[in-house]
Amino acid sequence: MKVVAMIDSRQVILHPEPTGGYSVTVPSLPGCFSEGATREEALANIREAIQLHIECMLEDGEDVPPAYPFLVESIEVELPHAEATQST
């Protein structure tokens, strides 16, 4: 019996870290995350993490959530101003 590999495409979110590097999350696979010193390394690491995450889910008999698209929007919010204190 020939095993045929399937291709799965997942959207990921790269989070630049304040100390450098990136953390990466996969919205359609809760609990699947990785990191890397560079963008390229972070993407390579999350690719491997997604493969392992899905393999483990299948081995455990779990349903793999579908890869769903999501939209990202920026929203402006008004923040309260801190009142300046004056010393007299």
N, C-alpha and C. Protein backbone atom coordinates (compact mmCIF):
# COMPACT_ATOMS: atom_id res chain seq x y z
N MET A 1 0.83 -1.17 0.00
CA MET A 1 0.00 0.00 0.00
C MET A 1 0.89 1.25 0.00
N LYS A 2 0.63 2.13 -0.92
CA LYS A 2 1.43 3.35 -1.04
C LYS A 2 0.84 4.44 -0.13
N VAL A 3 1.71 5.09 0.64
CA VAL A 3 1.29 6.18 1.51
C VAL A 3 1.44 7.49 0.74
N VAL A 4 0.37 8.24 0.70
CA VAL A 4 0.39 9.52 -0.01
C VAL A 4 0.37 10.65 1.02
N ALA A 5 1.31 11.55 0.92
CA ALA A 5 1.37 12.70 1.82
C ALA A 5 0.33 13.73 1.40
N MET A 6 -0.33 14.30 2.40
CA MET A 6 -1.30 15.37 2.13
C MET A 6 -0.65 16.70 2.48
N ILE A 7 -1.09 17.74 1.82
CA ILE A 7 -0.60 19.09 2.12
C ILE A 7 -1.68 19.82 2.90
N ASP A 8 -1.29 20.43 3.98
CA ASP A 8 -2.20 21.22 4.81
C ASP A 8 -1.61 22.62 4.91
N SER A 9 -2.43 23.61 4.72
CA SER A 9 -1.96 24.99 4.79
C SER A 9 -2.60 25.67 6.00
N ARG A 10 -1.79 26.23 6.87
CA ARG A 10 -2.27 26.91 8.08
C ARG A 10 -1.76 28.34 8.11
N GLN A 11 -2.61 29.23 8.56
CA GLN A 11 -2.16 30.60 8.77
C GLN A 11 -1.50 30.68 10.14
N VAL A 12 -0.42 31.43 10.21
CA VAL A 12 0.31 31.59 11.47
C VAL A 12 0.46 33.08 11.77
N ILE A 13 0.67 33.38 13.04
CA ILE A 13 0.88 34.77 13.45
C ILE A 13 2.28 34.86 14.05
N LEU A 14 3.08 35.75 13.50
CA LEU A 14 4.43 36.02 14.03
C LEU A 14 4.33 37.18 15.02
N HIS A 15 4.86 36.95 16.20
CA HIS A 15 4.86 37.98 17.25
C HIS A 15 6.31 38.41 17.49
N PRO A 16 6.71 39.62 17.06
CA PRO A 16 8.07 40.08 17.37
C PRO A 16 8.24 40.20 18.89
N GLU A 17 9.32 39.68 19.40
CA GLU A 17 9.57 39.72 20.84
C GLU A 17 10.42 40.95 21.18
N PRO A 18 10.15 41.58 22.32
CA PRO A 18 10.89 42.78 22.71
C PRO A 18 12.39 42.55 22.84
N THR A 19 12.78 41.34 23.19
CA THR A 19 14.20 41.03 23.36
C THR A 19 14.84 40.49 22.09
N GLY A 20 14.06 40.42 21.00
CA GLY A 20 14.56 39.91 19.73
C GLY A 20 13.94 38.57 19.40
N GLY A 21 13.92 38.26 18.15
CA GLY A 21 13.35 37.00 17.71
C GLY A 21 11.83 37.09 17.58
N TYR A 22 11.22 35.94 17.32
CA TYR A 22 9.79 35.87 17.08
C TYR A 22 9.20 34.66 17.79
N SER A 23 8.00 34.82 18.32
CA SER A 23 7.20 33.66 18.71
C SER A 23 6.11 33.53 17.65
N VAL A 24 5.62 32.32 17.46
CA VAL A 24 4.66 32.05 16.40
C VAL A 24 3.51 31.21 16.96
N THR A 25 2.28 31.60 16.63
CA THR A 25 1.12 30.84 17.04
C THR A 25 0.32 30.44 15.80
N VAL A 26 -0.53 29.42 15.98
CA VAL A 26 -1.37 28.91 14.91
C VAL A 26 -2.82 28.98 15.40
N PRO A 27 -3.59 29.99 14.98
CA PRO A 27 -4.94 30.15 15.50
C PRO A 27 -5.84 28.92 15.32
N SER A 28 -5.67 28.17 14.24
CA SER A 28 -6.52 27.01 14.00
C SER A 28 -6.07 25.76 14.75
N LEU A 29 -4.92 25.83 15.44
CA LEU A 29 -4.43 24.71 16.24
C LEU A 29 -4.06 25.21 17.64
N PRO A 30 -5.04 25.39 18.50
CA PRO A 30 -4.74 25.88 19.86
C PRO A 30 -3.66 25.03 20.53
N GLY A 31 -2.71 25.69 21.15
CA GLY A 31 -1.62 24.98 21.82
C GLY A 31 -0.42 24.71 20.94
N CYS A 32 -0.51 25.03 19.67
CA CYS A 32 0.62 24.83 18.76
C CYS A 32 1.35 26.16 18.61
N PHE A 33 2.59 26.19 19.06
CA PHE A 33 3.38 27.42 19.00
C PHE A 33 4.85 27.07 18.89
N SER A 34 5.64 28.06 18.51
CA SER A 34 7.09 27.87 18.41
C SER A 34 7.74 29.24 18.47
N GLU A 35 9.03 29.27 18.21
CA GLU A 35 9.78 30.53 18.22
C GLU A 35 11.02 30.38 17.37
N GLY A 36 11.69 31.49 17.13
CA GLY A 36 12.94 31.46 16.39
C GLY A 36 13.64 32.80 16.50
N ALA A 37 14.95 32.78 16.32
CA ALA A 37 15.74 34.00 16.42
C ALA A 37 15.48 34.94 15.24
N THR A 38 15.16 34.35 14.09
CA THR A 38 14.85 35.15 12.90
C THR A 38 13.47 34.75 12.39
N ARG A 39 12.95 35.55 11.48
CA ARG A 39 11.65 35.24 10.89
C ARG A 39 11.70 33.88 10.18
N GLU A 40 12.76 33.66 9.43
CA GLU A 40 12.92 32.41 8.69
C GLU A 40 13.00 31.21 9.62
N GLU A 41 13.77 31.34 10.69
CA GLU A 41 13.90 30.25 11.66
C GLU A 41 12.56 29.99 12.36
N ALA A 42 11.86 31.05 12.72
CA ALA A 42 10.56 30.90 13.37
C ALA A 42 9.57 30.17 12.47
N LEU A 43 9.57 30.50 11.17
CA LEU A 43 8.66 29.84 10.23
C LEU A 43 9.04 28.38 10.02
N ALA A 44 10.32 28.09 9.95
CA ALA A 44 10.76 26.70 9.81
C ALA A 44 10.37 25.90 11.06
N ASN A 45 10.53 26.50 12.23
CA ASN A 45 10.21 25.82 13.48
C ASN A 45 8.70 25.58 13.61
N ILE A 46 7.88 26.55 13.20
CA ILE A 46 6.43 26.36 13.33
C ILE A 46 5.95 25.33 12.32
N ARG A 47 6.59 25.24 11.18
CA ARG A 47 6.22 24.20 10.20
C ARG A 47 6.38 22.82 10.84
N GLU A 48 7.53 22.61 11.49
CA GLU A 48 7.77 21.33 12.17
C GLU A 48 6.79 21.13 13.32
N ALA A 49 6.52 22.20 14.08
CA ALA A 49 5.59 22.10 15.21
C ALA A 49 4.18 21.72 14.74
N ILE A 50 3.74 22.29 13.62
CA ILE A 50 2.41 21.96 13.08
C ILE A 50 2.37 20.48 12.68
N GLN A 51 3.40 20.02 12.00
CA GLN A 51 3.44 18.61 11.59
C GLN A 51 3.36 17.68 12.80
N LEU A 52 4.16 17.95 13.82
CA LEU A 52 4.17 17.12 15.02
C LEU A 52 2.86 17.21 15.78
N HIS A 53 2.30 18.41 15.86
CA HIS A 53 1.04 18.63 16.57
C HIS A 53 -0.07 17.79 15.93
N ILE A 54 -0.17 17.86 14.61
CA ILE A 54 -1.22 17.11 13.90
C ILE A 54 -0.96 15.61 14.00
N GLU A 55 0.29 15.18 13.88
CA GLU A 55 0.62 13.76 14.03
C GLU A 55 0.18 13.23 15.39
N CYS A 56 0.45 13.99 16.45
CA CYS A 56 0.07 13.58 17.80
C CYS A 56 -1.45 13.51 17.95
N MET A 57 -2.14 14.49 17.38
CA MET A 57 -3.60 14.49 17.46
C MET A 57 -4.16 13.23 16.78
N LEU A 58 -3.64 12.90 15.61
CA LEU A 58 -4.12 11.73 14.88
C LEU A 58 -3.79 10.44 15.64
N GLU A 59 -2.59 10.34 16.20
CA GLU A 59 -2.20 9.16 16.97
C GLU A 59 -3.11 8.98 18.19
N ASP A 60 -3.56 10.11 18.78
CA ASP A 60 -4.43 10.06 19.96
C ASP A 60 -5.91 9.91 19.59
N GLY A 61 -6.19 9.80 18.28
CA GLY A 61 -7.57 9.64 17.84
C GLY A 61 -8.40 10.92 17.90
N GLU A 62 -7.74 12.06 17.99
CA GLU A 62 -8.44 13.34 18.05
C GLU A 62 -8.75 13.84 16.65
N ASP A 63 -9.82 14.61 16.55
CA ASP A 63 -10.14 15.26 15.28
C ASP A 63 -9.22 16.47 15.11
N VAL A 64 -8.69 16.62 13.93
CA VAL A 64 -7.83 17.78 13.63
C VAL A 64 -8.74 18.91 13.15
N PRO A 65 -8.70 20.06 13.82
CA PRO A 65 -9.54 21.18 13.40
C PRO A 65 -9.19 21.61 11.98
N PRO A 66 -10.20 22.05 11.23
CA PRO A 66 -9.91 22.50 9.87
C PRO A 66 -9.07 23.78 9.89
N ALA A 67 -8.32 23.95 8.84
CA ALA A 67 -7.57 25.21 8.68
C ALA A 67 -8.57 26.24 8.18
N TYR A 68 -8.83 27.22 8.99
CA TYR A 68 -9.80 28.24 8.60
C TYR A 68 -9.09 29.57 8.42
N PRO A 69 -9.55 30.35 7.46
CA PRO A 69 -8.95 31.68 7.27
C PRO A 69 -9.46 32.64 8.35
N PHE A 70 -8.68 33.61 8.65
CA PHE A 70 -9.11 34.63 9.58
C PHE A 70 -8.69 35.98 9.05
N LEU A 71 -9.35 37.00 9.52
CA LEU A 71 -9.05 38.38 9.11
C LEU A 71 -8.43 39.11 10.29
N VAL A 72 -7.52 40.00 10.00
CA VAL A 72 -6.89 40.82 11.03
C VAL A 72 -7.23 42.26 10.74
N GLU A 73 -7.76 42.94 11.72
CA GLU A 73 -8.12 44.35 11.59
C GLU A 73 -7.44 45.14 12.70
N SER A 74 -7.17 46.40 12.45
CA SER A 74 -6.67 47.30 13.49
C SER A 74 -7.84 48.16 13.97
N ILE A 75 -7.95 48.30 15.25
CA ILE A 75 -9.04 49.07 15.84
C ILE A 75 -8.43 50.12 16.76
N GLU A 76 -8.89 51.37 16.60
CA GLU A 76 -8.45 52.44 17.48
C GLU A 76 -9.41 52.53 18.66
N VAL A 77 -8.85 52.68 19.84
CA VAL A 77 -9.66 52.85 21.05
C VAL A 77 -9.18 54.09 21.79
N GLU A 78 -10.10 54.75 22.42
CA GLU A 78 -9.74 55.92 23.22
C GLU A 78 -9.40 55.46 24.62
N LEU A 79 -8.24 55.88 25.09
CA LEU A 79 -7.79 55.49 26.42
C LEU A 79 -7.98 56.67 27.38
N PRO A 80 -8.26 56.38 28.63
CA PRO A 80 -8.40 57.47 29.60
C PRO A 80 -7.06 58.15 29.82
N HIS A 81 -7.09 59.46 30.00
CA HIS A 81 -5.87 60.20 30.27
C HIS A 81 -5.62 60.23 31.76
N ALA A 82 -4.39 60.02 32.13
CA ALA A 82 -4.04 60.14 33.54
C ALA A 82 -3.97 61.61 33.87
N GLU A 83 -4.64 62.00 34.93
CA GLU A 83 -4.60 63.40 35.31
C GLU A 83 -3.24 63.73 35.89
N ALA A 84 -2.70 64.81 35.42
CA ALA A 84 -1.39 65.23 35.90
C ALA A 84 -1.54 65.75 37.33
N THR A 85 -0.68 65.32 38.19
CA THR A 85 -0.71 65.80 39.56
C THR A 85 0.27 66.96 39.68
N GLN A 86 -0.16 68.00 40.34
CA GLN A 86 0.70 69.16 40.53
C GLN A 86 1.04 69.28 42.00
N SER A 87 2.32 69.44 42.26
CA SER A 87 2.72 69.65 43.65
C SER A 87 2.73 71.13 43.93
N THR A 88 2.17 71.48 45.03
CA THR A 88 2.13 72.90 45.40
C THR A 88 2.97 73.20 46.57
